[in-house]
Protein backbone atom coordinates (compact mmCIF):
# COMPACT_ATOMS: atom_id res chain seq x y z
CA UNK A 1 -22.84 -31.47 -18.32
CA UNK A 2 -23.75 -28.05 -19.69
CA UNK A 3 -26.47 -27.66 -21.86
CA UNK A 4 -26.41 -26.42 -25.62
CA UNK A 5 -28.05 -23.34 -24.27
CA UNK A 6 -25.59 -22.63 -21.74
CA UNK A 7 -22.44 -23.07 -24.08
CA UNK A 8 -24.20 -20.67 -26.61
CA UNK A 9 -24.94 -18.03 -23.74
CA UNK A 10 -21.23 -18.50 -22.74
CA UNK A 11 -20.15 -17.77 -26.44
CA UNK A 12 -22.44 -14.73 -26.62
CA UNK A 13 -20.76 -13.45 -23.26
CA UNK A 14 -17.29 -13.83 -24.74
CA UNK A 15 -18.31 -12.37 -27.99
CA UNK A 16 -16.95 -15.45 -29.87
CA UNK A 17 -18.94 -17.17 -32.69
CA UNK A 18 -19.61 -21.05 -32.08
CA UNK A 19 -20.48 -23.13 -34.91
CA UNK A 20 -23.47 -25.59 -34.50
CA UNK A 21 -21.08 -28.55 -34.99
CA UNK A 22 -18.70 -27.45 -32.29
CA UNK A 23 -21.26 -27.08 -29.56
CA UNK A 24 -21.14 -30.72 -28.51
CA UNK A 25 -17.40 -30.71 -28.33
CA UNK A 26 -17.49 -27.39 -26.08
CA UNK A 27 -19.99 -29.00 -23.90
CA UNK A 28 -17.78 -31.77 -23.15
CA UNK A 29 -14.63 -29.78 -22.94
CA UNK A 30 -16.15 -27.37 -20.67
CA UNK A 31 -17.85 -29.62 -18.36
CA UNK A 32 -14.46 -31.48 -17.84
CA UNK A 33 -12.92 -28.21 -16.77
CA UNK A 34 -15.73 -27.32 -14.25
CA UNK A 35 -15.66 -30.80 -12.84
CA UNK A 36 -11.78 -30.30 -12.08
CA UNK A 37 -12.61 -27.18 -10.27
CA UNK A 38 -15.07 -29.07 -8.15
CA UNK A 39 -12.25 -31.62 -7.34
CA UNK A 40 -10.14 -28.63 -6.43
CA UNK A 41 -12.72 -27.81 -3.89
CA UNK A 42 -12.10 -30.97 -1.89
CA UNK A 43 -8.53 -29.97 -1.23
CA UNK A 44 -7.63 -29.33 2.27
CA UNK A 45 -6.28 -25.92 2.48
CA UNK A 46 -6.41 -25.63 6.22
CA UNK A 47 -3.47 -23.49 7.58
CA UNK A 48 -2.67 -22.29 3.90
CA UNK A 49 -2.43 -18.42 3.71
CA UNK A 50 -4.30 -17.12 0.61
CA UNK A 51 -2.09 -14.79 -1.60
CA UNK A 52 -2.83 -12.72 -4.52
CA UNK A 53 0.43 -13.39 -6.50
CA UNK A 54 3.62 -15.40 -5.95
CA UNK A 55 6.41 -13.01 -6.28
CA UNK A 56 5.89 -11.39 -2.84
CA UNK A 57 6.64 -8.02 -4.26
CA UNK A 58 4.61 -5.09 -2.96
CA UNK A 59 3.75 -1.97 -4.70
CA UNK A 60 6.45 0.87 -4.38
CA UNK A 61 5.75 4.52 -4.77
CA UNK A 62 7.65 7.37 -5.34
CA UNK A 63 6.64 10.94 -4.61
CA UNK A 64 5.23 12.96 -7.54
CA UNK A 65 7.81 15.78 -7.13
CA UNK A 66 9.11 18.34 -9.59
CA UNK A 67 12.90 18.47 -9.83
CA UNK A 68 14.60 21.64 -11.07
CA UNK A 69 17.62 20.70 -13.46
CA UNK A 70 18.44 24.42 -13.51
CA UNK A 71 19.75 26.21 -16.45
CA UNK A 72 22.68 23.76 -17.07
CA UNK A 73 20.58 20.43 -17.06
CA UNK A 74 17.94 22.47 -19.44
CA UNK A 75 20.89 23.20 -21.97
CA UNK A 76 22.39 19.68 -21.76
CA UNK A 77 18.85 18.27 -22.32
CA UNK A 78 18.13 20.74 -25.37
CA UNK A 79 21.34 19.79 -26.93
CA UNK A 80 19.86 16.25 -27.78
CA UNK A 81 16.66 17.42 -29.33
CA UNK A 82 16.37 17.46 -33.03
CA UNK A 83 14.29 20.69 -33.30
CA UNK A 84 13.80 23.51 -30.84
CA UNK A 85 11.20 26.39 -30.87
CA UNK A 86 11.15 29.10 -28.36
CA UNK A 87 13.03 27.16 -25.86
CA UNK A 88 10.63 24.03 -25.92
CA UNK A 89 11.00 20.59 -27.81
CA UNK A 90 9.16 20.96 -31.19
CA UNK A 91 7.57 17.73 -32.14
CA UNK A 92 5.63 16.54 -35.20
CA UNK A 93 1.76 16.92 -35.20
CA UNK A 94 -0.12 14.23 -33.93
CA UNK A 95 -3.61 14.83 -35.43
């Protein structure tokens, strides 16, 4: 079972406040969680391939390429902007 000092140390690391009356409850609850992980260590996983996630998806990347829309593409885009200045989209100041 976890000690009172260990519970307070964990709470400090997690940056959460723990009231003195709750320490005993956390001792019990966290100790049960850790005991469950000990049970999982006993499971036979021979032949089971470790995985990072269950979806099976792989990272897909695209090339970072500049695509020129040409003058017609730029004009089509600029028709949709609310305000324009010197051929650029004018936006409100952020700062």
